[in-house]
Amino acid sequence: MSTHGPEDPERDEPATLHVDGDEGDGAEPTPAFPGLARTGPRSVSELHLKGVIESLVFVADKPIAAADIAKVARAETRDVRRLLLELRAEYMPRGIHLDEIAGAWQFRSSAANAPFVRELLQAKPVKLTRAQVETLSIVAYRQPITRPEIDDVRGVDSGSALKVLLERNLVRMIGRKDEPGRPLLYGTTTGFLEFFGLRSLRELPALREYTELSPESQATLLREMAGEGSGEGEKPAEGATETESPAGGNVERAPGTD
């Protein structure tokens, strides 16, 4: 393998990193770096930019957008995004993943290794009660929505669940509805996308996908998301006779729509 650097006085064209293989034996050349075999020779400046991108995402204390990386690295946003996608593919089989979250990028430990990470950090998994999951689901699929509309879908008062979701920055007040009393409208936050590892609301599963699950699979999914028991002590809303899950078919709007 030979590397031609920019200091080589014999070269006038842009410096490139070449990977030499055996001529004529049909063998694939050995890549100098992961991923290079797929993309061919790279300029030294591009390899440097890729390393800069990796460093910036690593040190950022929150997800960082490609445009912000490009500004710091003095590069084109389209080039930064292309290299981010390459890095994401290279990290895919590893214990650290590069994920696009709410339109920005962040390194995260693999979800498969979560139990070990929690043990090291002595951190408890963040869980939502069933009531909170129901309320959050309604807000996510039908936003903007008022609290009375949430109560009407669930069949119970959702005030306590909504308060917790506001405190955890999963839901926010986004305005008031133009009707008598001007009730508050609620919607999800960027924190909601980060919490569930979504790039946008369009990545929410279609409700049809949930309703096609068997009752046992639905129950397992709810237990994993909400933990055991509601713990909310909620009172039925006026005129309500039963509690209904929004994932059971009460919410009909497609994900990512208003």
C-alpha atoms as a PDB file:
ATOM      1  CA  MET A   1       0.000   0.000   0.000  1.00  0.00           C
ATOM      2  CA  SER A   2       1.388   3.382  -0.928  1.00  0.00           C
ATOM      3  CA  THR A   3       0.219   6.768   0.319  1.00  0.00           C
ATOM      4  CA  HIS A   4       0.883   9.955  -1.577  1.00  0.00           C
ATOM      5  CA  GLY A   5       0.656  12.992   0.674  1.00  0.00           C
ATOM      6  CA  PRO A   6       0.279  16.640  -0.276  1.00  0.00           C
ATOM      7  CA  GLU A   7       3.966  17.198   0.503  1.00  0.00           C
ATOM      8  CA  ASP A   8       4.994  15.044  -2.488  1.00  0.00           C
ATOM      9  CA  PRO A   9       6.700  17.543  -4.847  1.00  0.00           C
ATOM     10  CA  GLU A  10       6.267  15.233  -7.828  1.00  0.00           C
ATOM     11  CA  ARG A  11       2.458  15.547  -7.837  1.00  0.00           C
ATOM     12  CA  ASP A  12       0.549  18.562  -9.102  1.00  0.00           C
ATOM     13  CA  GLU A  13      -2.959  17.114  -9.017  1.00  0.00           C
ATOM     14  CA  PRO A  14      -4.943  16.891  -5.733  1.00  0.00           C
ATOM     15  CA  ALA A  15      -3.395  14.393  -3.360  1.00  0.00           C
ATOM     16  CA  THR A  16      -5.240  11.124  -3.077  1.00  0.00           C
ATOM     17  CA  LEU A  17      -4.973   8.024  -0.964  1.00  0.00           C
ATOM     18  CA  HIS A  18      -4.497   4.946  -3.166  1.00  0.00           C
ATOM     19  CA  VAL A  19      -4.866   1.335  -2.176  1.00  0.00           C
ATOM     20  CA  ASP A  20      -2.722  -1.028  -4.241  1.00  0.00           C
ATOM     21  CA  GLY A  21      -3.767  -4.594  -4.915  1.00  0.00           C
ATOM     22  CA  ASP A  22      -2.143  -7.409  -6.805  1.00  0.00           C
ATOM     23  CA  GLU A  23      -2.442  -6.751 -10.526  1.00  0.00           C
ATOM     24  CA  GLY A  24      -4.212  -9.309 -12.669  1.00  0.00           C
ATOM     25  CA  ASP A  25      -5.143 -11.813  -9.930  1.00  0.00           C
ATOM     26  CA  GLY A  26      -8.717 -10.564  -9.614  1.00  0.00           C
ATOM     27  CA  ALA A  27      -8.318  -9.954  -5.883  1.00  0.00           C
ATOM     28  CA  GLU A  28      -9.996  -6.945  -4.277  1.00  0.00           C
ATOM     29  CA  PRO A  29      -7.598  -4.323  -2.924  1.00  0.00           C
ATOM     30  CA  THR A  30      -7.317  -4.105   0.833  1.00  0.00           C
ATOM     31  CA  PRO A  31      -8.885  -0.871   2.167  1.00  0.00           C
ATOM     32  CA  ALA A  32      -6.750   1.390   4.329  1.00  0.00           C
ATOM     33  CA  PHE A  33      -9.800   2.511   6.300  1.00  0.00           C
ATOM     34  CA  PRO A  34     -13.246   0.954   6.900  1.00  0.00           C
ATOM     35  CA  GLY A  35     -15.620   1.712   4.080  1.00  0.00           C
ATOM     36  CA  LEU A  36     -13.024   2.785   1.518  1.00  0.00           C
ATOM     37  CA  ALA A  37     -13.411  -0.407  -0.497  1.00  0.00           C
ATOM     38  CA  ARG A  38     -16.971   0.635  -1.269  1.00  0.00           C
ATOM     39  CA  THR A  39     -16.194   4.187  -2.275  1.00  0.00           C
ATOM     40  CA  GLY A  40     -12.827   4.010  -4.020  1.00  0.00           C
ATOM     41  CA  PRO A  41      -9.845   6.334  -3.619  1.00  0.00           C
ATOM     42  CA  ARG A  42     -10.376   9.404  -1.468  1.00  0.00           C
ATOM     43  CA  SER A  43      -8.645  12.757  -1.305  1.00  0.00           C
ATOM     44  CA  VAL A  44      -6.646  13.381   1.841  1.00  0.00           C
ATOM     45  CA  SER A  45      -8.758  16.479   2.514  1.00  0.00           C
ATOM     46  CA  GLU A  46     -11.949  14.389   2.401  1.00  0.00           C
ATOM     47  CA  LEU A  47     -10.524  11.823   4.796  1.00  0.00           C
ATOM     48  CA  HIS A  48      -9.566  14.673   7.098  1.00  0.00           C
ATOM     49  CA  LEU A  49     -13.086  16.110   6.909  1.00  0.00           C
ATOM     50  CA  LYS A  50     -14.523  12.726   7.768  1.00  0.00           C
ATOM     51  CA  GLY A  51     -12.354  12.605  10.871  1.00  0.00           C
ATOM     52  CA  VAL A  52     -13.362  16.155  11.819  1.00  0.00           C
ATOM     53  CA  ILE A  53     -17.031  15.233  11.497  1.00  0.00           C
ATOM     54  CA  GLU A  54     -16.522  12.197  13.707  1.00  0.00           C
ATOM     55  CA  SER A  55     -14.790  14.302  16.360  1.00  0.00           C
ATOM     56  CA  LEU A  56     -17.428  17.028  16.367  1.00  0.00           C
ATOM     57  CA  VAL A  57     -20.307  14.583  16.785  1.00  0.00           C
ATOM     58  CA  PHE A  58     -18.381  12.790  19.537  1.00  0.00           C
ATOM     59  CA  VAL A  59     -17.724  15.891  21.651  1.00  0.00           C
ATOM     60  CA  ALA A  60     -21.139  17.510  21.140  1.00  0.00           C
ATOM     61  CA  ASP A  61     -23.245  17.350  24.314  1.00  0.00           C
ATOM     62  CA  LYS A  62     -26.444  17.073  22.279  1.00  0.00           C
ATOM     63  CA  PRO A  63     -27.387  15.991  18.741  1.00  0.00           C
ATOM     64  CA  ILE A  64     -25.696  18.260  16.203  1.00  0.00           C
ATOM     65  CA  ALA A  65     -27.089  19.135  12.771  1.00  0.00           C
ATOM     66  CA  ALA A  66     -25.155  18.597   9.561  1.00  0.00           C
ATOM     67  CA  ALA A  67     -25.375  22.323   8.803  1.00  0.00           C
ATOM     68  CA  ASP A  68     -23.740  23.163  12.145  1.00  0.00           C
ATOM     69  CA  ILE A  69     -20.976  20.642  11.497  1.00  0.00           C
ATOM     70  CA  ALA A  70     -20.423  22.122   8.048  1.00  0.00           C
ATOM     71  CA  LYS A  71     -20.162  25.622   9.505  1.00  0.00           C
ATOM     72  CA  VAL A  72     -17.509  24.618  12.022  1.00  0.00           C
ATOM     73  CA  ALA A  73     -15.624  22.414   9.541  1.00  0.00           C
ATOM     74  CA  ARG A  74     -15.884  25.053   6.775  1.00  0.00           C
ATOM     75  CA  ALA A  75     -17.341  22.500   4.408  1.00  0.00           C
ATOM     76  CA  GLU A  76     -20.416  22.046   2.232  1.00  0.00           C
ATOM     77  CA  THR A  77     -23.452  20.674   4.061  1.00  0.00           C
ATOM     78  CA  ARG A  78     -24.106  18.124   1.296  1.00  0.00           C
ATOM     79  CA  ASP A  79     -20.562  16.749   1.709  1.00  0.00           C
ATOM     80  CA  VAL A  80     -20.953  16.569   5.472  1.00  0.00           C
ATOM     81  CA  ARG A  81     -24.236  14.713   5.193  1.00  0.00           C
ATOM     82  CA  ARG A  82     -22.799  12.233   2.700  1.00  0.00           C
ATOM     83  CA  LEU A  83     -19.903  11.448   5.034  1.00  0.00           C
ATOM     84  CA  LEU A  84     -22.263  11.203   8.002  1.00  0.00           C
ATOM     85  CA  LEU A  85     -24.239   8.537   6.154  1.00  0.00           C
ATOM     86  CA  GLU A  86     -21.015   6.644   5.452  1.00  0.00           C
ATOM     87  CA  LEU A  87     -20.006   6.843   9.101  1.00  0.00           C
ATOM     88  CA  ARG A  88     -23.424   5.598  10.161  1.00  0.00           C
ATOM     89  CA  ALA A  89     -23.037   2.531   7.959  1.00  0.00           C
ATOM     90  CA  GLU A  90     -19.525   1.856   9.284  1.00  0.00           C
ATOM     91  CA  TYR A  91     -20.667   2.035  12.911  1.00  0.00           C
ATOM     92  CA  MET A  92     -23.769  -0.106  12.358  1.00  0.00           C
ATOM     93  CA  PRO A  93     -22.280  -3.455  13.499  1.00  0.00           C
ATOM     94  CA  ARG A  94     -20.428  -1.922  16.443  1.00  0.00           C
ATOM     95  CA  GLY A  95     -21.321  -1.183  20.060  1.00  0.00           C
ATOM     96  CA  ILE A  96     -21.530   2.539  19.280  1.00  0.00           C
ATOM     97  CA  HIS A  97     -23.981   3.759  16.653  1.00  0.00           C
ATOM     98  CA  LEU A  98     -24.193   7.067  14.822  1.00  0.00           C
ATOM     99  CA  ASP A  99     -27.882   7.937  14.749  1.00  0.00           C
ATOM    100  CA  GLU A 100     -29.845  10.737  13.134  1.00  0.00           C
ATOM    101  CA  ILE A 101     -32.203  12.077  15.780  1.00  0.00           C
ATOM    102  CA  ALA A 102     -34.717  14.851  15.111  1.00  0.00           C
ATOM    103  CA  GLY A 103     -32.701  16.085  12.144  1.00  0.00           C
ATOM    104  CA  ALA A 104     -29.385  16.039  14.018  1.00  0.00           C
ATOM    105  CA  TRP A 105     -26.648  13.478  14.682  1.00  0.00           C
ATOM    106  CA  GLN A 106     -25.437  11.794  17.854  1.00  0.00           C
ATOM    107  CA  PHE A 107     -23.330   8.847  18.928  1.00  0.00           C
ATOM    108  CA  ARG A 108     -25.326   6.367  21.028  1.00  0.00           C
ATOM    109  CA  SER A 109     -24.574   3.023  22.562  1.00  0.00           C
ATOM    110  CA  SER A 110     -26.257   0.096  20.856  1.00  0.00           C
ATOM    111  CA  ALA A 111     -29.721  -0.630  22.238  1.00  0.00           C
ATOM    112  CA  ALA A 112     -28.735  -4.309  22.426  1.00  0.00           C
ATOM    113  CA  ASN A 113     -26.149  -3.386  25.072  1.00  0.00           C
ATOM    114  CA  ALA A 114     -28.471  -1.223  27.187  1.00  0.00           C
ATOM    115  CA  PRO A 115     -28.592  -3.589  30.221  1.00  0.00           C
ATOM    116  CA  PHE A 116     -24.799  -3.556  30.510  1.00  0.00           C
ATOM    117  CA  VAL A 117     -24.589   0.212  30.087  1.00  0.00           C
ATOM    118  CA  ARG A 118     -27.227   0.766  32.760  1.00  0.00           C
ATOM    119  CA  GLU A 119     -25.358  -1.545  35.139  1.00  0.00           C
ATOM    120  CA  LEU A 120     -22.141   0.420  34.675  1.00  0.00           C
ATOM    121  CA  LEU A 121     -23.859   3.781  35.072  1.00  0.00           C
ATOM    122  CA  GLN A 122     -26.128   2.451  37.816  1.00  0.00           C
ATOM    123  CA  ALA A 123     -29.010   4.090  35.993  1.00  0.00           C
ATOM    124  CA  LYS A 124     -32.610   2.972  36.033  1.00  0.00           C
ATOM    125  CA  PRO A 125     -34.397   2.629  32.692  1.00  0.00           C
ATOM    126  CA  VAL A 126     -36.814   5.456  31.998  1.00  0.00           C
ATOM    127  CA  LYS A 127     -40.336   4.070  31.944  1.00  0.00           C
ATOM    128  CA  LEU A 128     -43.706   5.583  31.265  1.00  0.00           C
ATOM    129  CA  THR A 129     -46.899   4.358  32.842  1.00  0.00           C
ATOM    130  CA  ARG A 130     -49.632   2.984  30.653  1.00  0.00           C
ATOM    131  CA  ALA A 131     -51.662   6.162  31.157  1.00  0.00           C
ATOM    132  CA  GLN A 132     -48.706   8.292  30.084  1.00  0.00           C
ATOM    133  CA  VAL A 133     -48.072   6.118  27.014  1.00  0.00           C
ATOM    134  CA  GLU A 134     -51.725   6.390  26.000  1.00  0.00           C
ATOM    135  CA  THR A 135     -51.724  10.155  26.426  1.00  0.00           C
ATOM    136  CA  LEU A 136     -48.431  10.566  24.588  1.00  0.00           C
ATOM    137  CA  SER A 137     -49.655   8.358  21.732  1.00  0.00           C
ATOM    138  CA  ILE A 138     -52.752  10.484  21.256  1.00  0.00           C
ATOM    139  CA  VAL A 139     -50.735  13.699  21.249  1.00  0.00           C
ATOM    140  CA  ALA A 140     -48.165  12.271  18.829  1.00  0.00           C
ATOM    141  CA  TYR A 141     -50.718  11.042  16.269  1.00  0.00           C
ATOM    142  CA  ARG A 142     -53.315  13.809  16.520  1.00  0.00           C
ATOM    143  CA  GLN A 143     -51.338  16.947  17.333  1.00  0.00           C
ATOM    144  CA  PRO A 144     -52.195  19.715  17.750  1.00  0.00           C
ATOM    145  CA  ILE A 145     -54.791  18.540  20.264  1.00  0.00           C
ATOM    146  CA  THR A 146     -56.452  19.934  23.374  1.00  0.00           C
ATOM    147  CA  ARG A 147     -56.714  18.244  26.753  1.00  0.00           C
ATOM    148  CA  PRO A 148     -60.524  17.791  26.486  1.00  0.00           C
ATOM    149  CA  GLU A 149     -59.965  16.036  23.151  1.00  0.00           C
ATOM    150  CA  ILE A 150     -57.373  13.759  24.786  1.00  0.00           C
ATOM    151  CA  ASP A 151     -59.794  12.983  27.611  1.00  0.00           C
ATOM    152  CA  ASP A 152     -62.520  12.241  25.072  1.00  0.00           C
ATOM    153  CA  VAL A 153     -60.349   9.673  23.275  1.00  0.00           C
ATOM    154  CA  ARG A 154     -59.107   7.990  26.442  1.00  0.00           C
ATOM    155  CA  GLY A 155     -62.362   8.142  28.372  1.00  0.00           C
ATOM    156  CA  VAL A 156     -60.589   9.315  31.545  1.00  0.00           C
ATOM    157  CA  ASP A 157     -59.095  12.518  32.890  1.00  0.00           C
ATOM    158  CA  SER A 158     -55.548  12.823  31.538  1.00  0.00           C
ATOM    159  CA  GLY A 159     -54.384  15.803  33.572  1.00  0.00           C
ATOM    160  CA  SER A 160     -51.841  13.977  35.735  1.00  0.00           C
ATOM    161  CA  ALA A 161     -50.364  12.044  32.795  1.00  0.00           C
ATOM    162  CA  LEU A 162     -50.133  15.197  30.708  1.00  0.00           C
ATOM    163  CA  LYS A 163     -48.378  17.024  33.546  1.00  0.00           C
ATOM    164  CA  VAL A 164     -45.672  14.354  33.742  1.00  0.00           C
ATOM    165  CA  LEU A 165     -45.168  14.417  29.970  1.00  0.00           C
ATOM    166  CA  LEU A 166     -44.751  18.199  30.104  1.00  0.00           C
ATOM    167  CA  GLU A 167     -42.223  17.907  32.927  1.00  0.00           C
ATOM    168  CA  ARG A 168     -40.231  15.317  30.968  1.00  0.00           C
ATOM    169  CA  ASN A 169     -40.197  17.558  27.889  1.00  0.00           C
ATOM    170  CA  LEU A 170     -41.980  14.974  25.759  1.00  0.00           C
ATOM    171  CA  VAL A 171     -44.986  17.236  25.198  1.00  0.00           C
ATOM    172  CA  ARG A 172     -45.250  21.017  24.940  1.00  0.00           C
ATOM    173  CA  MET A 173     -47.921  23.687  24.661  1.00  0.00           C
ATOM    174  CA  ILE A 174     -47.918  24.989  21.091  1.00  0.00           C
ATOM    175  CA  GLY A 175     -50.751  27.520  21.160  1.00  0.00           C
ATOM    176  CA  ARG A 176     -54.476  27.880  21.737  1.00  0.00           C
ATOM    177  CA  LYS A 177     -57.381  26.570  19.711  1.00  0.00           C
ATOM    178  CA  ASP A 178     -59.606  29.165  18.081  1.00  0.00           C
ATOM    179  CA  GLU A 179     -62.846  28.235  19.820  1.00  0.00           C
ATOM    180  CA  PRO A 180     -64.749  29.393  22.931  1.00  0.00           C
ATOM    181  CA  GLY A 181     -62.486  29.290  25.959  1.00  0.00           C
ATOM    182  CA  ARG A 182     -59.396  29.078  23.703  1.00  0.00           C
ATOM    183  CA  PRO A 183     -58.111  25.795  25.191  1.00  0.00           C
ATOM    184  CA  LEU A 184     -54.394  25.039  25.047  1.00  0.00           C
ATOM    185  CA  LEU A 185     -53.069  22.938  22.187  1.00  0.00           C
ATOM    186  CA  TYR A 186     -50.418  20.283  22.814  1.00  0.00           C
ATOM    187  CA  GLY A 187     -47.824  18.699  20.558  1.00  0.00           C
ATOM    188  CA  THR A 188     -44.655  16.630  20.851  1.00  0.00           C
ATOM    189  CA  THR A 189     -41.170  18.075  21.313  1.00  0.00           C
ATOM    190  CA  THR A 190     -37.720  17.453  19.906  1.00  0.00           C
ATOM    191  CA  GLY A 191     -37.120  15.618  23.189  1.00  0.00           C
ATOM    192  CA  PHE A 192     -39.874  13.186  22.172  1.00  0.00           C
ATOM    193  CA  LEU A 193     -37.995  12.346  18.976  1.00  0.00           C
ATOM    194  CA  GLU A 194     -34.735  11.946  20.919  1.00  0.00           C
ATOM    195  CA  PHE A 195     -36.416   9.774  23.568  1.00  0.00           C
ATOM    196  CA  PHE A 196     -37.691   7.320  20.961  1.00  0.00           C
ATOM    197  CA  GLY A 197     -34.768   7.676  18.536  1.00  0.00           C
ATOM    198  CA  LEU A 198     -36.850   9.067  15.670  1.00  0.00           C
ATOM    199  CA  ARG A 199     -35.676  11.345  12.872  1.00  0.00           C
ATOM    200  CA  SER A 200     -39.170  12.807  12.459  1.00  0.00           C
ATOM    201  CA  LEU A 201     -42.812  12.083  13.225  1.00  0.00           C
ATOM    202  CA  ARG A 202     -43.046  10.320   9.870  1.00  0.00           C
ATOM    203  CA  GLU A 203     -41.102   7.449  11.430  1.00  0.00           C
ATOM    204  CA  LEU A 204     -43.897   6.717  13.886  1.00  0.00           C
ATOM    205  CA  PRO A 205     -45.294   3.253  13.201  1.00  0.00           C
ATOM    206  CA  ALA A 206     -48.538   3.224  11.260  1.00  0.00           C
ATOM    207  CA  LEU A 207     -51.509   2.391  13.457  1.00  0.00           C
ATOM    208  CA  ARG A 208     -52.360  -0.438  11.067  1.00  0.00           C
ATOM    209  CA  GLU A 209     -49.060  -2.105  12.029  1.00  0.00           C
ATOM    210  CA  TYR A 210     -50.117  -2.102  15.689  1.00  0.00           C
ATOM    211  CA  THR A 211     -53.665  -3.322  15.116  1.00  0.00           C
ATOM    212  CA  GLU A 212     -52.332  -6.244  13.081  1.00  0.00           C
ATOM    213  CA  LEU A 213     -50.402  -7.524  16.116  1.00  0.00           C
ATOM    214  CA  SER A 214     -51.890 -10.355  18.117  1.00  0.00           C
ATOM    215  CA  PRO A 215     -53.449  -9.440  21.501  1.00  0.00           C
ATOM    216  CA  GLU A 216     -50.476 -11.090  23.239  1.00  0.00           C
ATOM    217  CA  SER A 217     -47.984  -9.018  21.218  1.00  0.00           C
ATOM    218  CA  GLN A 218     -49.936  -5.833  21.919  1.00  0.00           C
ATOM    219  CA  ALA A 219     -49.894  -6.579  25.647  1.00  0.00           C
ATOM    220  CA  THR A 220     -46.148  -7.283  25.566  1.00  0.00           C
ATOM    221  CA  LEU A 221     -45.459  -4.035  23.703  1.00  0.00           C
ATOM    222  CA  LEU A 222     -47.468  -2.001  26.197  1.00  0.00           C
ATOM    223  CA  ARG A 223     -45.699  -3.650  29.149  1.00  0.00           C
ATOM    224  CA  GLU A 224     -42.285  -2.905  27.678  1.00  0.00           C
ATOM    225  CA  MET A 225     -43.143   0.746  27.059  1.00  0.00           C
ATOM    226  CA  ALA A 226     -45.152   1.441  30.182  1.00  0.00           C
ATOM    227  CA  GLY A 227     -43.974  -0.971  32.840  1.00  0.00           C
ATOM    228  CA  GLU A 228     -46.388  -2.729  35.198  1.00  0.00           C
ATOM    229  CA  GLY A 229     -49.462  -0.835  36.382  1.00  0.00           C
ATOM    230  CA  SER A 230     -50.546   2.727  35.719  1.00  0.00           C
ATOM    231  CA  GLY A 231     -49.878   4.219  39.133  1.00  0.00           C
ATOM    232  CA  GLU A 232     -51.805   7.317  38.090  1.00  0.00           C
ATOM    233  CA  GLY A 233     -54.874   7.054  40.244  1.00  0.00           C
ATOM    234  CA  GLU A 234     -56.857   8.720  37.495  1.00  0.00           C
ATOM    235  CA  LYS A 235     -60.508   9.562  37.853  1.00  0.00           C
ATOM    236  CA  PRO A 236     -62.948   8.880  35.022  1.00  0.00           C
ATOM    237  CA  ALA A 237     -63.826  11.881  32.912  1.00  0.00           C
ATOM    238  CA  GLU A 238     -67.339  13.192  33.172  1.00  0.00           C
ATOM    239  CA  GLY A 239     -69.698  10.886  31.329  1.00  0.00           C
ATOM    240  CA  ALA A 240     -67.021   8.265  30.698  1.00  0.00           C
ATOM    241  CA  THR A 241     -67.747   4.605  31.343  1.00  0.00           C
ATOM    242  CA  GLU A 242     -64.503   2.886  30.360  1.00  0.00           C
ATOM    243  CA  THR A 243     -60.854   3.473  29.474  1.00  0.00           C
ATOM    244  CA  GLU A 244     -59.763   2.870  25.905  1.00  0.00           C
ATOM    245  CA  SER A 245     -56.253   2.624  24.530  1.00  0.00           C
ATOM    246  CA  PRO A 246     -55.475   5.023  21.657  1.00  0.00           C
ATOM    247  CA  ALA A 247     -53.398   2.312  20.008  1.00  0.00           C
ATOM    248  CA  GLY A 248     -56.451   0.092  19.833  1.00  0.00           C
ATOM    249  CA  GLY A 249     -57.997   2.002  16.950  1.00  0.00           C
ATOM    250  CA  ASN A 250     -59.304   5.249  18.470  1.00  0.00           C
ATOM    251  CA  VAL A 251     -56.659   7.350  16.715  1.00  0.00           C
ATOM    252  CA  GLU A 252     -57.208   7.265  12.975  1.00  0.00           C
ATOM    253  CA  ARG A 253     -54.880   9.997  11.697  1.00  0.00           C
ATOM    254  CA  ALA A 254     -51.777   8.828   9.843  1.00  0.00           C
ATOM    255  CA  PRO A 255     -48.409   9.534  11.503  1.00  0.00           C
ATOM    256  CA  GLY A 256     -46.715  12.762  10.569  1.00  0.00           C
ATOM    257  CA  THR A 257     -49.946  14.586   9.716  1.00  0.00           C
ATOM    258  CA  ASP A 258     -51.688  17.452  11.466  1.00  0.00           C
END
